C-alpha atoms as a PDB file:
ATOM      1  CA  MET A   1      90.583 118.325  82.665  1.00  0.00           C
ATOM      2  CA  THR A   2      91.100 114.677  83.379  1.00  0.00           C
ATOM      3  CA  VAL A   3      89.030 111.663  82.522  1.00  0.00           C
ATOM      4  CA  ARG A   4      86.616 110.772  85.313  1.00  0.00           C
ATOM      5  CA  LEU A   5      86.912 107.126  86.223  1.00  0.00           C
ATOM      6  CA  VAL A   6      84.232 105.065  87.843  1.00  0.00           C
ATOM      7  CA  LYS A   7      84.386 102.512  90.566  1.00  0.00           C
ATOM      8  CA  THR A   8      84.967  99.675  88.131  1.00  0.00           C
ATOM      9  CA  ALA A   9      87.988 101.142  86.353  1.00  0.00           C
ATOM     10  CA  LEU A  10      90.285  98.816  84.493  1.00  0.00           C
ATOM     11  CA  LEU A  11      92.814  97.223  86.774  1.00  0.00           C
ATOM     12  CA  ILE A  12      95.913  95.131  86.574  1.00  0.00           C
ATOM     13  CA  SER A  13      96.330  93.071  89.715  1.00  0.00           C
ATOM     14  CA  VAL A  14      99.750  91.935  90.798  1.00  0.00           C
ATOM     15  CA  VAL A  15      99.909  89.625  93.775  1.00  0.00           C
ATOM     16  CA  PHE A  16     103.460  89.580  95.083  1.00  0.00           C
ATOM     17  CA  ALA A  17     102.943  86.619  97.356  1.00  0.00           C
ATOM     18  CA  SER A  18     100.119  84.998  99.262  1.00  0.00           C
ATOM     19  CA  ALA A  19     101.447  86.393 102.516  1.00  0.00           C
ATOM     20  CA  CYS A  20     102.013  89.882 101.150  1.00  0.00           C
ATOM     21  CA  VAL A  21      99.839  92.874 100.515  1.00  0.00           C
ATOM     22  CA  ARG A  22      97.703  92.720  97.396  1.00  0.00           C
ATOM     23  CA  HIS A  23      98.972  95.216  94.876  1.00  0.00           C
ATOM     24  CA  THR A  24      96.488  96.858  92.554  1.00  0.00           C
ATOM     25  CA  ALA A  25      97.425  99.515  90.055  1.00  0.00           C
ATOM     26  CA  VAL A  26      94.777 101.501  88.245  1.00  0.00           C
ATOM     27  CA  GLN A  27      94.791 101.704  84.481  1.00  0.00           C
ATOM     28  CA  ASN A  28      93.036 104.899  83.360  1.00  0.00           C
ATOM     29  CA  LEU A  29      90.717 103.258  80.857  1.00  0.00           C
ATOM     30  CA  GLY A  30      92.726 103.758  77.721  1.00  0.00           C
ATOM     31  CA  LEU A  31      95.371 106.163  78.953  1.00  0.00           C
ATOM     32  CA  THR A  32      98.829 104.695  78.718  1.00  0.00           C
ATOM     33  CA  ALA A  33     100.112 105.036  82.246  1.00  0.00           C
ATOM     34  CA  SER A  34     102.792 103.301  84.211  1.00  0.00           C
ATOM     35  CA  PRO A  35     101.566 101.273  87.205  1.00  0.00           C
ATOM     36  CA  THR A  36     101.249 103.373  90.294  1.00  0.00           C
ATOM     37  CA  ARG A  37     103.118 102.892  93.470  1.00  0.00           C
ATOM     38  CA  ARG A  38     101.651 100.339  95.856  1.00  0.00           C
ATOM     39  CA  PRO A  39      99.511 102.006  98.511  1.00  0.00           C
ATOM     40  CA  ALA A  40     100.291 100.825 102.011  1.00  0.00           C
ATOM     41  CA  PRO A  41      97.401  99.160 103.849  1.00  0.00           C
ATOM     42  CA  ALA A  42      95.596 101.122 106.514  1.00  0.00           C
ATOM     43  CA  PRO A  43      96.326 100.304 110.142  1.00  0.00           C
ATOM     44  CA  ASP A  44      93.994  97.661 111.573  1.00  0.00           C
ATOM     45  CA  ALA A  45      91.077  98.256 113.933  1.00  0.00           C
ATOM     46  CA  SER A  46      93.211  98.298 117.064  1.00  0.00           C
ATOM     47  CA  VAL A  47      95.361 101.062 115.653  1.00  0.00           C
ATOM     48  CA  ARG A  48      92.380 103.060 114.438  1.00  0.00           C
ATOM     49  CA  SER A  49      90.983 102.982 117.960  1.00  0.00           C
ATOM     50  CA  ILE A  50      94.208 104.607 119.163  1.00  0.00           C
ATOM     51  CA  PHE A  51      93.665 107.406 116.658  1.00  0.00           C
ATOM     52  CA  GLN A  52      90.182 107.965 118.010  1.00  0.00           C
ATOM     53  CA  ARG A  53      91.289 108.060 121.633  1.00  0.00           C
ATOM     54  CA  GLN A  54      94.133 110.484 121.169  1.00  0.00           C
ATOM     55  CA  LYS A  55      93.679 114.159 120.407  1.00  0.00           C
ATOM     56  CA  GLN A  56      97.317 114.807 119.600  1.00  0.00           C
ATOM     57  CA  ALA A  57      99.031 113.681 116.419  1.00  0.00           C
ATOM     58  CA  PHE A  58      99.542 109.931 116.246  1.00  0.00           C
ATOM     59  CA  ASN A  59     103.177 108.787 116.250  1.00  0.00           C
ATOM     60  CA  PRO A  60     103.294 105.092 115.323  1.00  0.00           C
ATOM     61  CA  LEU A  61     106.819 104.648 116.646  1.00  0.00           C
ATOM     62  CA  ALA A  62     105.709 105.710 120.112  1.00  0.00           C
ATOM     63  CA  ASP A  63     101.986 105.010 120.118  1.00  0.00           C
ATOM     64  CA  ASP A  64     101.495 101.688 118.357  1.00  0.00           C
ATOM     65  CA  PRO A  65     101.763  98.950 121.008  1.00  0.00           C
ATOM     66  CA  ARG A  66     102.637  96.363 118.385  1.00  0.00           C
ATOM     67  CA  ILE A  67     105.877  98.144 117.579  1.00  0.00           C
ATOM     68  CA  GLN A  68     106.830  98.387 121.215  1.00  0.00           C
ATOM     69  CA  ALA A  69     106.020  94.706 121.820  1.00  0.00           C
ATOM     70  CA  LEU A  70     107.998  93.513 118.808  1.00  0.00           C
ATOM     71  CA  GLN A  71     110.946  95.725 119.687  1.00  0.00           C
ATOM     72  CA  ALA A  72     110.934  94.183 123.155  1.00  0.00           C
ATOM     73  CA  LEU A  73     110.972  90.674 121.674  1.00  0.00           C
ATOM     74  CA  LEU A  74     113.896  91.531 119.424  1.00  0.00           C
ATOM     75  CA  LYS A  75     115.783  93.089 122.313  1.00  0.00           C
ATOM     76  CA  LYS A  76     115.529  89.784 124.164  1.00  0.00           C
ATOM     77  CA  ASN A  77     116.224  87.664 121.087  1.00  0.00           C
ATOM     78  CA  PRO A  78     117.730  89.476 118.074  1.00  0.00           C
ATOM     79  CA  ALA A  79     117.637  86.179 116.116  1.00  0.00           C
ATOM     80  CA  ASP A  80     113.829  86.044 116.190  1.00  0.00           C
ATOM     81  CA  SER A  81     113.248  86.376 112.439  1.00  0.00           C
ATOM     82  CA  ILE A  82     109.477  85.989 112.745  1.00  0.00           C
ATOM     83  CA  ALA A  83     109.230  88.994 115.064  1.00  0.00           C
ATOM     84  CA  ARG A  84     111.614  90.938 112.834  1.00  0.00           C
ATOM     85  CA  LEU A  85     109.486  90.302 109.761  1.00  0.00           C
ATOM     86  CA  GLU A  86     106.354  91.292 111.647  1.00  0.00           C
ATOM     87  CA  LEU A  87     107.982  94.505 112.791  1.00  0.00           C
ATOM     88  CA  ALA A  88     109.134  95.265 109.240  1.00  0.00           C
ATOM     89  CA  ALA A  89     105.591  94.723 107.979  1.00  0.00           C
ATOM     90  CA  VAL A  90     104.177  97.130 110.576  1.00  0.00           C
ATOM     91  CA  TYR A  91     106.717  99.784 109.587  1.00  0.00           C
ATOM     92  CA  GLU A  92     105.837  99.227 105.943  1.00  0.00           C
ATOM     93  CA  SER A  93     102.131  99.642 106.685  1.00  0.00           C
ATOM     94  CA  TYR A  94     102.925 103.127 108.009  1.00  0.00           C
ATOM     95  CA  ARG A  95     105.091 103.858 104.948  1.00  0.00           C
ATOM     96  CA  LEU A  96     108.175 103.987 107.128  1.00  0.00           C
ATOM     97  CA  TYR A  97     110.085 102.296 104.357  1.00  0.00           C
ATOM     98  CA  ASP A  98     113.616 102.957 105.575  1.00  0.00           C
ATOM     99  CA  GLU A  99     112.834 101.408 108.962  1.00  0.00           C
ATOM    100  CA  ALA A 100     111.088  98.497 107.275  1.00  0.00           C
ATOM    101  CA  LEU A 101     114.035  97.932 104.922  1.00  0.00           C
ATOM    102  CA  GLU A 102     116.460  97.651 107.801  1.00  0.00           C
ATOM    103  CA  HIS A 103     114.502  94.792 109.345  1.00  0.00           C
ATOM    104  CA  TYR A 104     113.647  93.067 106.070  1.00  0.00           C
ATOM    105  CA  ARG A 105     117.357  93.021 105.208  1.00  0.00           C
ATOM    106  CA  GLU A 106     118.345  91.609 108.579  1.00  0.00           C
ATOM    107  CA  ALA A 107     115.657  88.945 108.245  1.00  0.00           C
ATOM    108  CA  PHE A 108     116.826  88.087 104.733  1.00  0.00           C
ATOM    109  CA  ASP A 109     120.446  87.791 105.840  1.00  0.00           C
ATOM    110  CA  ALA A 110     119.316  85.295 108.467  1.00  0.00           C
ATOM    111  CA  THR A 111     116.713  83.323 106.514  1.00  0.00           C
ATOM    112  CA  HIS A 112     117.024  84.048 102.762  1.00  0.00           C
ATOM    113  CA  SER A 113     113.238  83.791 102.750  1.00  0.00           C
ATOM    114  CA  GLU A 114     110.920  84.835  99.951  1.00  0.00           C
ATOM    115  CA  LYS A 115     108.891  86.918 102.384  1.00  0.00           C
ATOM    116  CA  ALA A 116     111.955  88.940 103.346  1.00  0.00           C
ATOM    117  CA  ILE A 117     113.149  89.539  99.778  1.00  0.00           C
ATOM    118  CA  PHE A 118     109.673  90.556  98.674  1.00  0.00           C
ATOM    119  CA  GLY A 119     109.546  93.054 101.514  1.00  0.00           C
ATOM    120  CA  ILE A 120     112.891  94.504 100.439  1.00  0.00           C
ATOM    121  CA  VAL A 121     111.719  94.808  96.852  1.00  0.00           C
ATOM    122  CA  ARG A 122     108.431  96.485  97.786  1.00  0.00           C
ATOM    123  CA  CYS A 123     110.191  99.042  99.954  1.00  0.00           C
ATOM    124  CA  ASP A 124     112.851  99.740  97.321  1.00  0.00           C
ATOM    125  CA  GLN A 125     110.112 100.318  94.783  1.00  0.00           C
ATOM    126  CA  ALA A 126     108.209 102.597  97.150  1.00  0.00           C
ATOM    127  CA  LEU A 127     111.407 104.619  97.546  1.00  0.00           C
ATOM    128  CA  ASN A 128     111.788 104.884  93.742  1.00  0.00           C
ATOM    129  CA  ARG A 129     114.695 102.460  93.730  1.00  0.00           C
ATOM    130  CA  THR A 130     113.332  99.942  91.230  1.00  0.00           C
ATOM    131  CA  TRP A 131     116.756  99.914  89.581  1.00  0.00           C
ATOM    132  CA  GLN A 132     118.101  98.442  92.823  1.00  0.00           C
ATOM    133  CA  ALA A 133     115.250  96.012  93.424  1.00  0.00           C
ATOM    134  CA  ILE A 134     115.373  94.326  90.005  1.00  0.00           C
ATOM    135  CA  PRO A 135     118.901  92.826  90.140  1.00  0.00           C
ATOM    136  CA  LEU A 136     118.349  91.815  93.749  1.00  0.00           C
ATOM    137  CA  LEU A 137     115.224  89.856  92.856  1.00  0.00           C
ATOM    138  CA  GLU A 138     116.822  88.414  89.711  1.00  0.00           C
ATOM    139  CA  GLN A 139     119.686  87.010  91.777  1.00  0.00           C
ATOM    140  CA  PHE A 140     117.240  85.537  94.282  1.00  0.00           C
ATOM    141  CA  LEU A 141     115.253  83.849  91.504  1.00  0.00           C
ATOM    142  CA  LYS A 142     118.410  82.203  90.159  1.00  0.00           C
ATOM    143  CA  ASP A 143     118.758  80.403  93.471  1.00  0.00           C
ATOM    144  CA  MET A 144     115.083  80.020  94.387  1.00  0.00           C
ATOM    145  CA  PRO A 145     112.806  80.370  91.340  1.00  0.00           C
ATOM    146  CA  SER A 146     109.091  80.737  92.055  1.00  0.00           C
ATOM    147  CA  GLY A 147     105.936  81.854  90.306  1.00  0.00           C
ATOM    148  CA  PRO A 148     105.262  84.729  92.704  1.00  0.00           C
ATOM    149  CA  GLY A 149     108.857  85.857  92.304  1.00  0.00           C
ATOM    150  CA  TRP A 150     108.689  85.863  88.504  1.00  0.00           C
ATOM    151  CA  ASN A 151     105.364  87.686  88.676  1.00  0.00           C
ATOM    152  CA  MET A 152     106.854  90.366  90.909  1.00  0.00           C
ATOM    153  CA  LEU A 153     109.885  90.703  88.639  1.00  0.00           C
ATOM    154  CA  GLY A 154     107.590  91.142  85.648  1.00  0.00           C
ATOM    155  CA  PHE A 155     105.762  93.920  87.444  1.00  0.00           C
ATOM    156  CA  LEU A 156     109.029  95.660  88.283  1.00  0.00           C
ATOM    157  CA  HIS A 157     110.219  95.505  84.674  1.00  0.00           C
ATOM    158  CA  ASP A 158     106.877  96.859  83.470  1.00  0.00           C
ATOM    159  CA  ALA A 159     107.074  99.676  86.006  1.00  0.00           C
ATOM    160  CA  SER A 160     110.556 100.573  84.773  1.00  0.00           C
ATOM    161  CA  GLY A 161     109.416 100.575  81.136  1.00  0.00           C
ATOM    162  CA  ASN A 162     111.245  97.410  80.055  1.00  0.00           C
ATOM    163  CA  LEU A 163     108.206  95.611  78.658  1.00  0.00           C
ATOM    164  CA  PRO A 164     110.066  92.818  76.811  1.00  0.00           C
ATOM    165  CA  ALA A 165     111.889  91.868  80.021  1.00  0.00           C
ATOM    166  CA  GLY A 166     108.583  92.064  81.865  1.00  0.00           C
ATOM    167  CA  GLN A 167     107.008  89.744  79.313  1.00  0.00           C
ATOM    168  CA  SER A 168     109.793  87.216  79.765  1.00  0.00           C
ATOM    169  CA  ALA A 169     109.408  87.219  83.542  1.00  0.00           C
ATOM    170  CA  LEU A 170     105.607  86.962  83.375  1.00  0.00           C
ATOM    171  CA  GLU A 171     105.874  84.053  80.961  1.00  0.00           C
ATOM    172  CA  GLN A 172     108.041  82.327  83.545  1.00  0.00           C
ATOM    173  CA  ALA A 173     105.364  82.972  86.165  1.00  0.00           C
ATOM    174  CA  VAL A 174     102.633  81.515  83.956  1.00  0.00           C
ATOM    175  CA  ALA A 175     104.808  78.497  83.200  1.00  0.00           C
ATOM    176  CA  ALA A 176     105.288  77.951  86.919  1.00  0.00           C
ATOM    177  CA  ASN A 177     101.531  78.066  87.558  1.00  0.00           C
ATOM    178  CA  PRO A 178      99.394  77.844  84.402  1.00  0.00           C
ATOM    179  CA  ALA A 179      96.260  77.781  86.568  1.00  0.00           C
ATOM    180  CA  SER A 180      96.751  81.345  87.838  1.00  0.00           C
ATOM    181  CA  SER A 181      94.142  83.657  86.343  1.00  0.00           C
ATOM    182  CA  GLU A 182      95.926  86.724  87.707  1.00  0.00           C
ATOM    183  CA  TRP A 183      99.221  85.865  86.123  1.00  0.00           C
ATOM    184  CA  HIS A 184      97.625  85.239  82.726  1.00  0.00           C
ATOM    185  CA  ASN A 185      95.916  88.610  83.150  1.00  0.00           C
ATOM    186  CA  ASN A 186      99.193  90.318  84.001  1.00  0.00           C
ATOM    187  CA  LEU A 187     100.922  88.772  81.003  1.00  0.00           C
ATOM    188  CA  GLY A 188      98.023  89.866  78.809  1.00  0.00           C
ATOM    189  CA  TYR A 189      98.295  93.407  80.109  1.00  0.00           C
ATOM    190  CA  ASN A 190     102.007  93.491  79.361  1.00  0.00           C
ATOM    191  CA  LEU A 191     101.352  92.228  75.831  1.00  0.00           C
ATOM    192  CA  MET A 192      98.618  94.813  75.323  1.00  0.00           C
ATOM    193  CA  LEU A 193     101.048  97.586  76.279  1.00  0.00           C
ATOM    194  CA  GLN A 194     103.360  96.226  73.570  1.00  0.00           C
ATOM    195  CA  ASN A 195     100.488  96.310  71.043  1.00  0.00           C
ATOM    196  CA  LYS A 196     100.593  92.516  70.718  1.00  0.00           C
ATOM    197  CA  ALA A 197      96.831  92.381  70.523  1.00  0.00           C
ATOM    198  CA  ASP A 198      96.299  88.761  69.470  1.00  0.00           C
ATOM    199  CA  ALA A 199      98.576  87.374  72.173  1.00  0.00           C
ATOM    200  CA  ALA A 200      97.094  89.718  74.780  1.00  0.00           C
ATOM    201  CA  GLN A 201      93.563  88.643  73.908  1.00  0.00           C
ATOM    202  CA  THR A 202      94.550  84.995  74.274  1.00  0.00           C
ATOM    203  CA  GLU A 203      95.909  85.653  77.774  1.00  0.00           C
ATOM    204  CA  PHE A 204      92.901  87.699  78.885  1.00  0.00           C
ATOM    205  CA  ARG A 205      90.489  85.028  77.675  1.00  0.00           C
ATOM    206  CA  LYS A 206      92.524  82.398  79.475  1.00  0.00           C
ATOM    207  CA  ALA A 207      92.348  84.493  82.653  1.00  0.00           C
ATOM    208  CA  VAL A 208      88.560  84.760  82.334  1.00  0.00           C
ATOM    209  CA  GLN A 209      88.318  81.038  81.631  1.00  0.00           C
ATOM    210  CA  LEU A 210      90.276  80.242  84.797  1.00  0.00           C
ATOM    211  CA  ASP A 211      88.350  82.733  86.926  1.00  0.00           C
ATOM    212  CA  SER A 212      85.063  83.782  85.394  1.00  0.00           C
ATOM    213  CA  LYS A 213      84.443  86.148  88.324  1.00  0.00           C
ATOM    214  CA  SER A 214      87.581  88.225  87.755  1.00  0.00           C
ATOM    215  CA  ILE A 215      86.345  91.765  87.090  1.00  0.00           C
ATOM    216  CA  THR A 216      89.933  92.777  86.424  1.00  0.00           C
ATOM    217  CA  ALA A 217      90.346  90.317  83.572  1.00  0.00           C
ATOM    218  CA  HIS A 218      86.919  91.129  82.119  1.00  0.00           C
ATOM    219  CA  ASN A 219      87.697  94.857  82.147  1.00  0.00           C
ATOM    220  CA  ASN A 220      91.117  94.446  80.570  1.00  0.00           C
ATOM    221  CA  LEU A 221      89.613  92.207  77.887  1.00  0.00           C
ATOM    222  CA  GLY A 222      86.949  94.848  77.330  1.00  0.00           C
ATOM    223  CA  MET A 223      89.559  97.555  76.849  1.00  0.00           C
ATOM    224  CA  LEU A 224      91.464  95.412  74.346  1.00  0.00           C
ATOM    225  CA  LEU A 225      88.312  94.590  72.370  1.00  0.00           C
ATOM    226  CA  ALA A 226      87.387  98.289  72.274  1.00  0.00           C
ATOM    227  CA  ARG A 227      90.808  99.136  70.898  1.00  0.00           C
ATOM    228  CA  ARG A 228      90.273  96.500  68.205  1.00  0.00           C
ATOM    229  CA  GLY A 229      86.902  97.968  67.259  1.00  0.00           C
ATOM    230  CA  GLU A 230      84.840  95.125  68.707  1.00  0.00           C
ATOM    231  CA  LEU A 231      82.552  97.457  70.620  1.00  0.00           C
ATOM    232  CA  GLU A 232      79.694  95.057  71.382  1.00  0.00           C
ATOM    233  CA  GLY A 233      82.095  92.526  72.857  1.00  0.00           C
ATOM    234  CA  ALA A 234      83.867  95.257  74.814  1.00  0.00           C
ATOM    235  CA  LEU A 235      80.601  96.530  76.268  1.00  0.00           C
ATOM    236  CA  ALA A 236      79.644  93.008  77.347  1.00  0.00           C
ATOM    237  CA  GLU A 237      82.950  92.643  79.207  1.00  0.00           C
ATOM    238  CA  PHE A 238      82.531  96.029  80.923  1.00  0.00           C
ATOM    239  CA  GLU A 239      79.004  95.081  81.957  1.00  0.00           C
ATOM    240  CA  PHE A 240      80.239  91.970  83.756  1.00  0.00           C
ATOM    241  CA  GLY A 241      81.247  93.920  86.846  1.00  0.00           C
ATOM    242  CA  ALA A 242      79.195  97.100  86.444  1.00  0.00           C
ATOM    243  CA  ASP A 243      75.775  98.461  85.578  1.00  0.00           C
ATOM    244  CA  ALA A 244      74.974  99.474  82.012  1.00  0.00           C
ATOM    245  CA  ALA A 245      75.594 103.196  82.556  1.00  0.00           C
ATOM    246  CA  THR A 246      79.040 102.538  83.968  1.00  0.00           C
ATOM    247  CA  ALA A 247      79.870 100.147  81.135  1.00  0.00           C
ATOM    248  CA  HIS A 248      78.912 102.731  78.486  1.00  0.00           C
ATOM    249  CA  ASN A 249      81.001 105.349  80.308  1.00  0.00           C
ATOM    250  CA  ASN A 250      84.027 103.053  80.394  1.00  0.00           C
ATOM    251  CA  LEU A 251      83.692 102.235  76.719  1.00  0.00           C
ATOM    252  CA  ALA A 252      83.401 105.956  76.001  1.00  0.00           C
ATOM    253  CA  VAL A 253      86.672 106.660  77.782  1.00  0.00           C
ATOM    254  CA  VAL A 254      88.557 104.063  75.738  1.00  0.00           C
ATOM    255  CA  LEU A 255      87.116 105.493  72.536  1.00  0.00           C
ATOM    256  CA  MET A 256      87.957 109.024  73.634  1.00  0.00           C
ATOM    257  CA  GLU A 257      91.585 108.186  74.211  1.00  0.00           C
ATOM    258  CA  LEU A 258      91.686 106.508  70.798  1.00  0.00           C
ATOM    259  CA  GLY A 259      90.564 109.833  69.305  1.00  0.00           C
ATOM    260  CA  LYS A 260      87.138 108.480  68.304  1.00  0.00           C
ATOM    261  CA  TYR A 261      85.305 111.405  69.816  1.00  0.00           C
ATOM    262  CA  GLU A 262      81.968 111.063  68.044  1.00  0.00           C
ATOM    263  CA  GLN A 263      81.650 107.404  69.030  1.00  0.00           C
ATOM    264  CA  SER A 264      82.730 108.280  72.562  1.00  0.00           C
ATOM    265  CA  ARG A 265      80.105 110.988  72.774  1.00  0.00           C
ATOM    266  CA  GLY A 266      77.490 108.519  71.600  1.00  0.00           C
ATOM    267  CA  GLU A 267      78.345 106.102  74.407  1.00  0.00           C
ATOM    268  CA  LEU A 268      78.181 108.911  76.953  1.00  0.00           C
ATOM    269  CA  VAL A 269      74.736 109.910  75.696  1.00  0.00           C
ATOM    270  CA  LYS A 270      73.639 106.309  76.293  1.00  0.00           C
ATOM    271  CA  ALA A 271      75.162 106.352  79.787  1.00  0.00           C
ATOM    272  CA  LEU A 272      73.350 109.582  80.671  1.00  0.00           C
ATOM    273  CA  ALA A 273      70.086 108.287  79.249  1.00  0.00           C
ATOM    274  CA  LEU A 274      70.348 105.393  81.681  1.00  0.00           C
ATOM    275  CA  ARG A 275      71.459 107.557  84.610  1.00  0.00           C
ATOM    276  CA  ARG A 276      70.767 111.238  84.107  1.00  0.00           C
ATOM    277  CA  ASN A 277      73.018 112.683  86.817  1.00  0.00           C
ATOM    278  CA  PHE A 278      75.875 110.191  86.468  1.00  0.00           C
ATOM    279  CA  ALA A 279      78.810 112.417  87.467  1.00  0.00           C
ATOM    280  CA  PRO A 280      81.639 110.569  85.626  1.00  0.00           C
ATOM    281  CA  ALA A 281      79.650 110.521  82.387  1.00  0.00           C
ATOM    282  CA  LEU A 282      78.758 114.199  82.730  1.00  0.00           C
ATOM    283  CA  SER A 283      82.396 115.108  83.287  1.00  0.00           C
ATOM    284  CA  ASN A 284      83.559 112.938  80.395  1.00  0.00           C
ATOM    285  CA  PHE A 285      80.886 114.420  78.131  1.00  0.00           C
ATOM    286  CA  LYS A 286      82.259 117.905  78.800  1.00  0.00           C
ATOM    287  CA  LEU A 287      85.756 116.632  78.150  1.00  0.00           C
ATOM    288  CA  VAL A 288      84.920 114.971  74.842  1.00  0.00           C
ATOM    289  CA  GLN A 289      83.108 118.136  73.731  1.00  0.00           C
ATOM    290  CA  GLU A 290      86.226 120.139  74.554  1.00  0.00           C
ATOM    291  CA  ARG A 291      88.415 117.735  72.592  1.00  0.00           C
ATOM    292  CA  VAL A 292      86.099 117.958  69.593  1.00  0.00           C
ATOM    293  CA  ARG A 293      86.324 121.757  69.797  1.00  0.00           C
ATOM    294  CA  GLN A 294      90.121 121.636  70.024  1.00  0.00           C
ATOM    295  CA  ARG A 295      90.374 119.285  67.067  1.00  0.00           C
ATOM    296  CA  THR A 296      88.123 121.558  65.011  1.00  0.00           C
ATOM    297  CA  GLN A 297      90.301 124.552  65.825  1.00  0.00           C
ATOM    298  CA  VAL A 298      93.445 122.659  64.828  1.00  0.00           C
ATOM    299  CA  GLN A 299      91.842 121.611  61.547  1.00  0.00           C
ATOM    300  CA  LYS A 300      90.771 125.186  60.819  1.00  0.00           C
ATOM    301  CA  GLY A 301      94.266 126.417  61.586  1.00  0.00           C
ATOM    302  CA  SER A 302      95.786 123.826  59.260  1.00  0.00           C
ATOM    303  CA  LEU A 303      93.353 124.804  56.490  1.00  0.00           C
ATOM    304  CA  GLN A 304      94.192 128.490  56.878  1.00  0.00           C
ATOM    305  CA  GLN A 305      97.913 127.725  56.684  1.00  0.00           C
ATOM    306  CA  SER A 306      97.288 125.651  53.588  1.00  0.00           C
ATOM    307  CA  ASN A 307      95.382 128.500  51.957  1.00  0.00           C
ATOM    308  CA  VAL A 308      98.198 130.920  52.754  1.00  0.00           C
ATOM    309  CA  ARG A 309     100.715 128.572  51.147  1.00  0.00           C
ATOM    310  CA  VAL A 310      98.536 128.204  48.020  1.00  0.00           C
ATOM    311  CA  ALA A 311      98.180 131.974  47.712  1.00  0.00           C
ATOM    312  CA  ALA A 312     101.925 132.428  48.085  1.00  0.00           C
ATOM    313  CA  ALA A 313     102.580 129.787  45.465  1.00  0.00           C
ATOM    314  CA  GLU A 314     100.207 131.507  43.004  1.00  0.00           C
ATOM    315  CA  GLN A 315     101.953 134.827  43.642  1.00  0.00           C
ATOM    316  CA  ASP A 316     105.351 133.297  42.990  1.00  0.00           C
ATOM    317  CA  ALA A 317     104.078 131.750  39.791  1.00  0.00           C
ATOM    318  CA  SER A 318     102.678 135.062  38.529  1.00  0.00           C
ATOM    319  CA  GLN A 319     105.989 136.748  39.245  1.00  0.00           C
ATOM    320  CA  LEU A 320     107.795 134.106  37.237  1.00  0.00           C
ATOM    321  CA  LYS A 321     105.456 134.651  34.294  1.00  0.00           C
ATOM    322  CA  GLN A 322     105.859 138.451  34.213  1.00  0.00           C
ATOM    323  CA  PRO A 323     109.162 138.484  32.285  1.00  0.00           C
ATOM    324  CA  GLU A 324     107.618 136.255  29.618  1.00  0.00           C
ATOM    325  CA  ASP A 325     104.612 138.570  29.219  1.00  0.00           C
ATOM    326  CA  ARG A 326     106.880 141.481  28.694  1.00  0.00           C
END
């Protein structure tokens, strides 16, 4: 069974650049999980209408008029970097990453633009080539340092498991733009993954101070406070962007993954009292009950093994004493 998440799950938002797709990776409310791969945006309304009109399978390369128009522009003028970047972005939106990479690379060779390098990095990451994207972006930042670039590099390091390197890059991003709530949040999330609770809390509170409406920052702060045992404060943060039942459910999940099953069950009871048929809370209640049962079985097994060892030790001792009795 897996933990049921609700609509207001804890998130870490990473904005690669103002002109790029917003990247949001879900954090499973207490489960340590690496950020997920960036989902490509859905085709826009004009493309969706094509889907509706056609009965056969949609082939973007042949059926999307944008691709055909941009290809025609590039055929007339291969140096048109704007059209090339637009075409790369369309390919990327369809998850045609190899095709997108080809055009992002050609655009970067011609312009050395941030938009082009970010496109290359996103596609490399989508193709599980983070190892290739990191040095490429690092070299770019040596020549053209920028807050969005450092933020993206921090995300890549975090995704690859190199949290100290991610922290360094995210600190550079925050230094470049101290007024960015999202970048303080991202740095706080990195620090939380490293169990640097005090520093993480400082960054999350700064993020909330800069953008009091950021549900992401409030939720991440709530998760950190729950891990530190500050349950009332955690619940208040969860309630910022959710109703009370959802907030109690989210707190319960954090407590469950900390192994505090009785406290977790108590929060789920509160959630279900507020909303009787709340599906995530019902599912999580079953899960926490199962974990309590499993823990009880493990404890019983350990006790039985201990009793066996004690009995064996007593038998050995009696055997040692027999020669003396004789």
